[in-house]
Amino acid sequence: MHCPFCRNADSRVLDSRATDDGCSIRRRRQCPACERRFTTIEQVQLSVLKKSGVAEPFNRDKVISGVRKACKGRPVSEADLARLGQRVEETLRASGMGEVPTDEVGVAILEPLRELDQVAYLRFASVYKHYQGVEDFEQEIRRLREPSPESTATH
C-alpha cells in the first residue's frame, strides 16, 4: 500500500477491524518513511459472471437501472430503488461467492422487488423468467396472492 503523503511503497498495519456491515475491513496504517498514519478500507471485489463467460465488477447502479424500468409509472421512489440495490448487493455478498452468475443477480432482485411493488415485480419477472404467454402471468399472479415466506414466518 503506497503512502498517500510521501508515496513510499510500504506501510505497516497498526490495527484491523471489520466494518459494521461486515463487508469490508478498516485498516489503520503507518508509513515507515514519513511516519504519518492513514486509514484504508479493503473490500472484496464482487464480480458478475455473464453468460458469455466474461466476468465484470458488480455494479449496483446496473441493478437499480434494470429495476427502474420495471418501476416506470409506479409509486416507487429513488430512495426505494437505492435500498433495493443495497439489499441485492448485501444478499450477493452474503452468499460468499466472489463470482456470481447473472442468473443469481436476477434471483436476488426478485424477492425485494416483490415486497416493494407487485406490478413492477411482474414486469421484471416476465422478462427475467421469459414468460411465453398469459398462462405464465396467471401462474405468477397466483403465487403473488400466496403469502410470502417472510410474512408467514412472522405470524
N, C-alpha and C. Protein backbone atom coordinates (compact mmCIF):
# COMPACT_ATOMS: atom_id res chain seq x y z
N MET A 1 0.85 -1.17 0.00
CA MET A 1 0.00 0.00 0.00
C MET A 1 0.89 1.23 0.00
N HIS A 2 0.73 2.09 -0.98
CA HIS A 2 1.53 3.32 -1.07
C HIS A 2 1.02 4.35 -0.06
N CYS A 3 1.95 5.04 0.56
CA CYS A 3 1.61 6.13 1.48
C CYS A 3 0.98 7.27 0.67
N PRO A 4 -0.19 7.77 1.09
CA PRO A 4 -0.82 8.86 0.34
C PRO A 4 -0.10 10.20 0.51
N PHE A 5 0.84 10.28 1.46
CA PHE A 5 1.54 11.54 1.74
C PHE A 5 2.88 11.62 1.00
N CYS A 6 3.70 10.56 1.14
CA CYS A 6 5.04 10.61 0.53
C CYS A 6 5.22 9.61 -0.61
N ARG A 7 4.19 8.79 -0.87
CA ARG A 7 4.19 7.79 -1.95
C ARG A 7 5.18 6.65 -1.73
N ASN A 8 5.66 6.48 -0.49
CA ASN A 8 6.50 5.34 -0.17
C ASN A 8 5.70 4.07 -0.46
N ALA A 9 6.37 3.06 -0.99
CA ALA A 9 5.68 1.83 -1.42
C ALA A 9 5.35 0.88 -0.28
N ASP A 10 5.68 1.22 0.93
CA ASP A 10 5.47 0.30 2.05
C ASP A 10 4.67 1.01 3.14
N SER A 11 3.95 0.22 3.91
CA SER A 11 3.26 0.73 5.11
C SER A 11 3.10 -0.41 6.08
N ARG A 12 2.91 -0.06 7.34
CA ARG A 12 2.76 -1.05 8.40
C ARG A 12 1.33 -0.97 8.92
N VAL A 13 0.68 -2.12 9.08
CA VAL A 13 -0.68 -2.17 9.61
C VAL A 13 -0.61 -2.08 11.12
N LEU A 14 -1.31 -1.09 11.69
CA LEU A 14 -1.34 -0.91 13.14
C LEU A 14 -2.57 -1.56 13.76
N ASP A 15 -3.68 -1.54 13.01
CA ASP A 15 -4.94 -2.05 13.55
C ASP A 15 -5.83 -2.47 12.39
N SER A 16 -6.56 -3.57 12.54
CA SER A 16 -7.52 -4.03 11.53
C SER A 16 -8.83 -4.35 12.22
N ARG A 17 -9.92 -3.87 11.61
CA ARG A 17 -11.25 -4.16 12.15
C ARG A 17 -12.22 -4.32 11.01
N ALA A 18 -13.18 -5.23 11.20
CA ALA A 18 -14.28 -5.35 10.23
C ALA A 18 -15.20 -4.15 10.39
N THR A 19 -15.75 -3.68 9.29
CA THR A 19 -16.70 -2.57 9.37
C THR A 19 -18.02 -3.10 9.94
N ASP A 20 -18.91 -2.18 10.29
CA ASP A 20 -20.18 -2.57 10.91
C ASP A 20 -20.98 -3.53 10.04
N ASP A 21 -20.96 -3.32 8.72
CA ASP A 21 -21.74 -4.19 7.84
C ASP A 21 -21.04 -5.52 7.56
N GLY A 22 -19.78 -5.64 7.97
CA GLY A 22 -19.04 -6.88 7.79
C GLY A 22 -18.57 -7.13 6.36
N CYS A 23 -18.78 -6.17 5.47
CA CYS A 23 -18.43 -6.35 4.06
C CYS A 23 -17.04 -5.84 3.72
N SER A 24 -16.39 -5.19 4.65
CA SER A 24 -15.05 -4.67 4.37
C SER A 24 -14.22 -4.62 5.65
N ILE A 25 -12.93 -4.35 5.48
CA ILE A 25 -12.01 -4.29 6.61
C ILE A 25 -11.37 -2.90 6.64
N ARG A 26 -11.40 -2.30 7.80
CA ARG A 26 -10.78 -0.99 8.01
C ARG A 26 -9.41 -1.25 8.61
N ARG A 27 -8.38 -0.70 7.99
CA ARG A 27 -7.01 -0.87 8.48
C ARG A 27 -6.40 0.50 8.76
N ARG A 28 -5.80 0.61 9.93
CA ARG A 28 -5.05 1.82 10.29
C ARG A 28 -3.59 1.50 9.99
N ARG A 29 -2.94 2.33 9.19
CA ARG A 29 -1.58 2.08 8.73
C ARG A 29 -0.66 3.23 9.07
N GLN A 30 0.65 2.91 9.09
CA GLN A 30 1.66 3.94 9.30
C GLN A 30 2.76 3.75 8.27
N CYS A 31 3.20 4.85 7.71
CA CYS A 31 4.29 4.84 6.73
C CYS A 31 5.62 4.82 7.48
N PRO A 32 6.54 3.88 7.18
CA PRO A 32 7.84 3.86 7.86
C PRO A 32 8.75 5.01 7.43
N ALA A 33 8.48 5.60 6.27
CA ALA A 33 9.35 6.68 5.77
C ALA A 33 8.99 8.03 6.41
N CYS A 34 7.71 8.45 6.33
CA CYS A 34 7.34 9.77 6.86
C CYS A 34 6.64 9.67 8.23
N GLU A 35 6.33 8.43 8.64
CA GLU A 35 5.70 8.13 9.93
C GLU A 35 4.29 8.69 10.08
N ARG A 36 3.66 9.11 9.00
CA ARG A 36 2.28 9.58 9.07
C ARG A 36 1.35 8.38 9.03
N ARG A 37 0.18 8.56 9.62
CA ARG A 37 -0.81 7.48 9.68
C ARG A 37 -1.95 7.77 8.73
N PHE A 38 -2.54 6.69 8.23
CA PHE A 38 -3.70 6.81 7.34
C PHE A 38 -4.55 5.56 7.44
N THR A 39 -5.78 5.66 6.96
CA THR A 39 -6.73 4.56 7.05
C THR A 39 -7.07 4.06 5.65
N THR A 40 -7.15 2.76 5.51
CA THR A 40 -7.63 2.17 4.26
C THR A 40 -8.85 1.32 4.56
N ILE A 41 -9.69 1.19 3.58
CA ILE A 41 -10.84 0.30 3.69
C ILE A 41 -10.72 -0.69 2.54
N GLU A 42 -10.65 -1.95 2.89
CA GLU A 42 -10.48 -3.00 1.89
C GLU A 42 -11.78 -3.78 1.76
N GLN A 43 -12.17 -3.99 0.52
CA GLN A 43 -13.41 -4.69 0.24
C GLN A 43 -13.15 -5.74 -0.83
N VAL A 44 -13.73 -6.91 -0.66
CA VAL A 44 -13.59 -7.97 -1.65
C VAL A 44 -14.35 -7.53 -2.91
N GLN A 45 -13.72 -7.69 -4.05
CA GLN A 45 -14.36 -7.33 -5.31
C GLN A 45 -15.38 -8.39 -5.67
N LEU A 46 -16.62 -8.00 -5.82
CA LEU A 46 -17.69 -8.90 -6.22
C LEU A 46 -17.81 -8.81 -7.73
N SER A 47 -17.74 -9.95 -8.41
CA SER A 47 -17.82 -9.97 -9.87
C SER A 47 -19.07 -10.70 -10.32
N VAL A 48 -19.57 -10.26 -11.47
CA VAL A 48 -20.73 -10.90 -12.09
C VAL A 48 -20.22 -11.67 -13.31
N LEU A 49 -20.55 -12.95 -13.36
CA LEU A 49 -20.15 -13.81 -14.47
C LEU A 49 -21.28 -13.82 -15.49
N LYS A 50 -21.02 -13.20 -16.63
CA LYS A 50 -22.03 -13.08 -17.67
C LYS A 50 -22.15 -14.40 -18.42
N LYS A 51 -23.25 -14.56 -19.16
CA LYS A 51 -23.50 -15.79 -19.91
C LYS A 51 -22.40 -16.06 -20.94
N SER A 52 -21.76 -15.00 -21.43
CA SER A 52 -20.68 -15.14 -22.41
C SER A 52 -19.40 -15.69 -21.78
N GLY A 53 -19.37 -15.76 -20.44
CA GLY A 53 -18.19 -16.23 -19.74
C GLY A 53 -17.30 -15.10 -19.24
N VAL A 54 -17.62 -13.87 -19.62
CA VAL A 54 -16.85 -12.70 -19.20
C VAL A 54 -17.29 -12.31 -17.79
N ALA A 55 -16.32 -11.98 -16.95
CA ALA A 55 -16.62 -11.50 -15.59
C ALA A 55 -16.39 -10.00 -15.56
N GLU A 56 -17.32 -9.28 -14.90
CA GLU A 56 -17.15 -7.84 -14.73
C GLU A 56 -17.50 -7.48 -13.30
N PRO A 57 -16.96 -6.39 -12.78
CA PRO A 57 -17.26 -5.99 -11.41
C PRO A 57 -18.76 -5.76 -11.21
N PHE A 58 -19.28 -6.17 -10.06
CA PHE A 58 -20.68 -5.92 -9.74
C PHE A 58 -20.91 -4.42 -9.71
N ASN A 59 -22.02 -3.99 -10.28
CA ASN A 59 -22.37 -2.59 -10.34
C ASN A 59 -23.80 -2.42 -9.84
N ARG A 60 -23.95 -1.88 -8.63
CA ARG A 60 -25.26 -1.69 -8.03
C ARG A 60 -26.14 -0.80 -8.92
N ASP A 61 -25.52 0.18 -9.59
CA ASP A 61 -26.28 1.08 -10.47
C ASP A 61 -26.94 0.33 -11.61
N LYS A 62 -26.32 -0.75 -12.09
CA LYS A 62 -26.94 -1.55 -13.16
C LYS A 62 -28.19 -2.25 -12.64
N VAL A 63 -28.13 -2.74 -11.42
CA VAL A 63 -29.31 -3.38 -10.81
C VAL A 63 -30.43 -2.36 -10.71
N ILE A 64 -30.11 -1.18 -10.18
CA ILE A 64 -31.12 -0.13 -9.99
C ILE A 64 -31.69 0.30 -11.34
N SER A 65 -30.85 0.43 -12.34
CA SER A 65 -31.30 0.83 -13.67
C SER A 65 -32.28 -0.18 -14.25
N GLY A 66 -31.98 -1.45 -14.12
CA GLY A 66 -32.87 -2.50 -14.62
C GLY A 66 -34.20 -2.53 -13.89
N VAL A 67 -34.15 -2.35 -12.59
CA VAL A 67 -35.38 -2.35 -11.80
C VAL A 67 -36.18 -1.07 -12.05
N ARG A 68 -35.48 0.04 -12.28
CA ARG A 68 -36.16 1.33 -12.54
C ARG A 68 -37.10 1.19 -13.74
N LYS A 69 -36.67 0.46 -14.76
CA LYS A 69 -37.51 0.27 -15.95
C LYS A 69 -38.80 -0.46 -15.59
N ALA A 70 -38.69 -1.46 -14.74
CA ALA A 70 -39.87 -2.21 -14.32
C ALA A 70 -40.79 -1.36 -13.44
N CYS A 71 -40.22 -0.35 -12.78
CA CYS A 71 -40.99 0.50 -11.86
C CYS A 71 -41.55 1.75 -12.52
N LYS A 72 -41.33 1.91 -13.82
CA LYS A 72 -41.79 3.11 -14.53
C LYS A 72 -43.31 3.27 -14.35
N GLY A 73 -43.70 4.46 -13.87
CA GLY A 73 -45.11 4.75 -13.65
C GLY A 73 -45.68 4.20 -12.36
N ARG A 74 -44.84 3.59 -11.55
CA ARG A 74 -45.27 3.01 -10.27
C ARG A 74 -44.86 3.94 -9.14
N PRO A 75 -45.54 3.85 -7.99
CA PRO A 75 -45.18 4.72 -6.85
C PRO A 75 -43.94 4.23 -6.10
N VAL A 76 -42.81 4.24 -6.80
CA VAL A 76 -41.54 3.77 -6.25
C VAL A 76 -40.55 4.93 -6.34
N SER A 77 -39.97 5.31 -5.21
CA SER A 77 -39.05 6.45 -5.17
C SER A 77 -37.61 6.00 -5.47
N GLU A 78 -36.76 6.98 -5.74
CA GLU A 78 -35.35 6.69 -5.94
C GLU A 78 -34.74 6.10 -4.67
N ALA A 79 -35.21 6.56 -3.51
CA ALA A 79 -34.72 6.01 -2.24
C ALA A 79 -35.10 4.53 -2.12
N ASP A 80 -36.30 4.18 -2.57
CA ASP A 80 -36.72 2.77 -2.57
C ASP A 80 -35.80 1.94 -3.46
N LEU A 81 -35.48 2.49 -4.64
CA LEU A 81 -34.60 1.78 -5.56
C LEU A 81 -33.20 1.62 -4.98
N ALA A 82 -32.72 2.66 -4.32
CA ALA A 82 -31.38 2.60 -3.71
C ALA A 82 -31.35 1.53 -2.62
N ARG A 83 -32.40 1.46 -1.80
CA ARG A 83 -32.46 0.43 -0.74
C ARG A 83 -32.51 -0.97 -1.36
N LEU A 84 -33.27 -1.12 -2.45
CA LEU A 84 -33.35 -2.41 -3.12
C LEU A 84 -31.97 -2.80 -3.65
N GLY A 85 -31.28 -1.85 -4.28
CA GLY A 85 -29.93 -2.13 -4.80
C GLY A 85 -28.98 -2.55 -3.71
N GLN A 86 -29.06 -1.86 -2.57
CA GLN A 86 -28.19 -2.21 -1.45
C GLN A 86 -28.53 -3.60 -0.92
N ARG A 87 -29.81 -3.90 -0.84
CA ARG A 87 -30.24 -5.21 -0.33
C ARG A 87 -29.76 -6.33 -1.27
N VAL A 88 -29.85 -6.10 -2.57
CA VAL A 88 -29.39 -7.09 -3.54
C VAL A 88 -27.89 -7.32 -3.38
N GLU A 89 -27.13 -6.23 -3.27
CA GLU A 89 -25.68 -6.37 -3.10
C GLU A 89 -25.34 -7.10 -1.81
N GLU A 90 -26.02 -6.78 -0.73
CA GLU A 90 -25.77 -7.46 0.55
C GLU A 90 -26.08 -8.94 0.45
N THR A 91 -27.16 -9.28 -0.24
CA THR A 91 -27.53 -10.69 -0.42
C THR A 91 -26.45 -11.43 -1.19
N LEU A 92 -25.96 -10.81 -2.27
CA LEU A 92 -24.93 -11.45 -3.09
C LEU A 92 -23.62 -11.59 -2.31
N ARG A 93 -23.24 -10.57 -1.56
CA ARG A 93 -22.01 -10.65 -0.76
C ARG A 93 -22.13 -11.72 0.32
N ALA A 94 -23.32 -11.82 0.91
CA ALA A 94 -23.55 -12.81 1.98
C ALA A 94 -23.48 -14.24 1.44
N SER A 95 -23.64 -14.42 0.14
CA SER A 95 -23.57 -15.76 -0.44
C SER A 95 -22.17 -16.33 -0.34
N GLY A 96 -21.16 -15.45 -0.18
CA GLY A 96 -19.79 -15.90 -0.04
C GLY A 96 -19.09 -16.19 -1.36
N MET A 97 -19.80 -16.02 -2.47
CA MET A 97 -19.20 -16.27 -3.78
C MET A 97 -18.54 -14.99 -4.28
N GLY A 98 -17.33 -15.10 -4.79
CA GLY A 98 -16.64 -13.94 -5.34
C GLY A 98 -17.14 -13.61 -6.74
N GLU A 99 -17.51 -14.66 -7.49
CA GLU A 99 -18.09 -14.50 -8.82
C GLU A 99 -19.51 -15.03 -8.78
N VAL A 100 -20.44 -14.16 -9.13
CA VAL A 100 -21.86 -14.50 -9.09
C VAL A 100 -22.40 -14.55 -10.52
N PRO A 101 -23.03 -15.65 -10.92
CA PRO A 101 -23.63 -15.70 -12.26
C PRO A 101 -24.77 -14.67 -12.38
N THR A 102 -24.99 -14.15 -13.58
CA THR A 102 -26.05 -13.15 -13.78
C THR A 102 -27.41 -13.66 -13.32
N ASP A 103 -27.66 -14.96 -13.47
CA ASP A 103 -28.94 -15.52 -13.03
C ASP A 103 -29.15 -15.32 -11.53
N GLU A 104 -28.05 -15.44 -10.76
CA GLU A 104 -28.15 -15.25 -9.31
C GLU A 104 -28.46 -13.80 -8.95
N VAL A 105 -27.98 -12.87 -9.77
CA VAL A 105 -28.31 -11.46 -9.55
C VAL A 105 -29.82 -11.27 -9.73
N GLY A 106 -30.36 -11.85 -10.78
CA GLY A 106 -31.81 -11.76 -11.02
C GLY A 106 -32.61 -12.37 -9.89
N VAL A 107 -32.18 -13.52 -9.39
CA VAL A 107 -32.88 -14.16 -8.27
C VAL A 107 -32.84 -13.27 -7.04
N ALA A 108 -31.69 -12.61 -6.81
CA ALA A 108 -31.54 -11.74 -5.64
C ALA A 108 -32.43 -10.50 -5.76
N ILE A 109 -32.82 -10.12 -6.96
CA ILE A 109 -33.68 -8.96 -7.17
C ILE A 109 -35.15 -9.29 -6.91
N LEU A 110 -35.57 -10.50 -7.24
CA LEU A 110 -36.99 -10.83 -7.26
C LEU A 110 -37.72 -10.61 -5.93
N GLU A 111 -37.23 -11.15 -4.84
CA GLU A 111 -37.97 -11.03 -3.57
C GLU A 111 -38.06 -9.58 -3.07
N PRO A 112 -36.96 -8.82 -3.05
CA PRO A 112 -37.11 -7.42 -2.62
C PRO A 112 -38.05 -6.62 -3.52
N LEU A 113 -38.04 -6.92 -4.81
CA LEU A 113 -38.93 -6.22 -5.73
C LEU A 113 -40.38 -6.62 -5.50
N ARG A 114 -40.60 -7.89 -5.21
CA ARG A 114 -41.95 -8.37 -4.90
C ARG A 114 -42.50 -7.62 -3.69
N GLU A 115 -41.66 -7.43 -2.69
CA GLU A 115 -42.09 -6.72 -1.48
C GLU A 115 -42.31 -5.22 -1.75
N LEU A 116 -41.53 -4.66 -2.68
CA LEU A 116 -41.61 -3.23 -2.97
C LEU A 116 -42.85 -2.89 -3.80
N ASP A 117 -43.08 -3.63 -4.89
CA ASP A 117 -44.21 -3.31 -5.78
C ASP A 117 -44.50 -4.54 -6.64
N GLN A 118 -45.69 -5.10 -6.48
CA GLN A 118 -46.01 -6.33 -7.17
C GLN A 118 -46.16 -6.17 -8.68
N VAL A 119 -46.62 -5.01 -9.13
CA VAL A 119 -46.73 -4.78 -10.58
C VAL A 119 -45.33 -4.71 -11.19
N ALA A 120 -44.44 -3.98 -10.55
CA ALA A 120 -43.06 -3.90 -11.03
C ALA A 120 -42.42 -5.29 -11.01
N TYR A 121 -42.74 -6.06 -9.96
CA TYR A 121 -42.23 -7.43 -9.87
C TYR A 121 -42.67 -8.24 -11.08
N LEU A 122 -43.96 -8.15 -11.44
CA LEU A 122 -44.46 -8.90 -12.59
C LEU A 122 -43.77 -8.48 -13.88
N ARG A 123 -43.56 -7.19 -14.03
CA ARG A 123 -42.87 -6.69 -15.23
C ARG A 123 -41.46 -7.26 -15.30
N PHE A 124 -40.74 -7.18 -14.19
CA PHE A 124 -39.36 -7.67 -14.15
C PHE A 124 -39.33 -9.19 -14.35
N ALA A 125 -40.19 -9.89 -13.64
CA ALA A 125 -40.22 -11.35 -13.72
C ALA A 125 -40.58 -11.82 -15.12
N SER A 126 -41.45 -11.08 -15.81
CA SER A 126 -41.85 -11.50 -17.16
C SER A 126 -40.66 -11.52 -18.11
N VAL A 127 -39.73 -10.60 -17.94
CA VAL A 127 -38.53 -10.57 -18.77
C VAL A 127 -37.51 -11.57 -18.24
N TYR A 128 -37.27 -11.54 -16.93
CA TYR A 128 -36.25 -12.39 -16.32
C TYR A 128 -36.58 -13.87 -16.48
N LYS A 129 -37.86 -14.22 -16.29
CA LYS A 129 -38.27 -15.63 -16.36
C LYS A 129 -38.75 -16.03 -17.75
N HIS A 130 -38.67 -15.12 -18.71
CA HIS A 130 -39.02 -15.41 -20.11
C HIS A 130 -40.44 -15.93 -20.26
N TYR A 131 -41.42 -15.19 -19.76
CA TYR A 131 -42.82 -15.59 -19.90
C TYR A 131 -43.14 -15.75 -21.38
N GLN A 132 -43.87 -16.82 -21.68
CA GLN A 132 -44.24 -17.11 -23.07
C GLN A 132 -45.68 -16.72 -23.40
N GLY A 133 -46.50 -16.58 -22.37
CA GLY A 133 -47.91 -16.26 -22.64
C GLY A 133 -48.64 -15.85 -21.39
N VAL A 134 -49.94 -15.66 -21.55
CA VAL A 134 -50.81 -15.22 -20.47
C VAL A 134 -50.80 -16.21 -19.31
N GLU A 135 -50.67 -17.49 -19.64
CA GLU A 135 -50.67 -18.52 -18.60
C GLU A 135 -49.53 -18.31 -17.61
N ASP A 136 -48.39 -17.88 -18.11
CA ASP A 136 -47.25 -17.62 -17.23
C ASP A 136 -47.58 -16.48 -16.26
N PHE A 137 -48.25 -15.43 -16.77
CA PHE A 137 -48.65 -14.32 -15.90
C PHE A 137 -49.67 -14.79 -14.86
N GLU A 138 -50.63 -15.59 -15.30
CA GLU A 138 -51.66 -16.09 -14.38
C GLU A 138 -51.05 -16.92 -13.26
N GLN A 139 -50.10 -17.77 -13.62
CA GLN A 139 -49.43 -18.60 -12.62
C GLN A 139 -48.65 -17.73 -11.62
N GLU A 140 -47.98 -16.71 -12.12
CA GLU A 140 -47.20 -15.82 -11.25
C GLU A 140 -48.13 -15.01 -10.34
N ILE A 141 -49.27 -14.59 -10.86
CA ILE A 141 -50.24 -13.84 -10.05
C ILE A 141 -50.78 -14.74 -8.94
N ARG A 142 -51.02 -16.01 -9.24
CA ARG A 142 -51.46 -16.94 -8.18
C ARG A 142 -50.39 -17.03 -7.09
N ARG A 143 -49.12 -17.09 -7.49
CA ARG A 143 -48.03 -17.13 -6.50
C ARG A 143 -47.98 -15.84 -5.68
N LEU A 144 -48.23 -14.71 -6.33
CA LEU A 144 -48.22 -13.43 -5.61
C LEU A 144 -49.32 -13.37 -4.56
N ARG A 145 -50.42 -14.01 -4.82
CA ARG A 145 -51.54 -13.98 -3.88
C ARG A 145 -51.30 -14.88 -2.67
N GLU A 146 -50.35 -15.80 -2.82
CA GLU A 146 -49.97 -16.64 -1.68
C GLU A 146 -49.11 -15.78 -0.74
N PRO A 147 -49.18 -16.03 0.56
CA PRO A 147 -48.31 -15.26 1.47
C PRO A 147 -46.85 -15.56 1.19
N SER A 148 -46.02 -14.52 1.31
CA SER A 148 -44.58 -14.74 1.10
C SER A 148 -44.02 -15.48 2.30
N PRO A 149 -42.89 -16.17 2.14
CA PRO A 149 -42.29 -16.94 3.25
C PRO A 149 -41.99 -16.04 4.45
N GLU A 150 -41.62 -14.77 4.21
CA GLU A 150 -41.29 -13.86 5.32
C GLU A 150 -42.52 -13.51 6.14
N SER A 151 -43.66 -13.31 5.45
CA SER A 151 -44.86 -12.90 6.19
C SER A 151 -45.44 -14.04 7.00
N THR A 152 -45.28 -15.29 6.53
CA THR A 152 -45.80 -16.42 7.31
C THR A 152 -44.88 -16.75 8.47
N ALA A 153 -43.59 -16.41 8.36
CA ALA A 153 -42.65 -16.71 9.44
C ALA A 153 -42.86 -15.79 10.63
N THR A 154 -43.41 -14.59 10.41
CA THR A 154 -43.60 -13.65 11.50
C THR A 154 -44.94 -13.81 12.19
N HIS A 155 -45.81 -14.62 11.63
CA HIS A 155 -47.14 -14.78 12.25
C HIS A 155 -47.28 -16.07 13.01
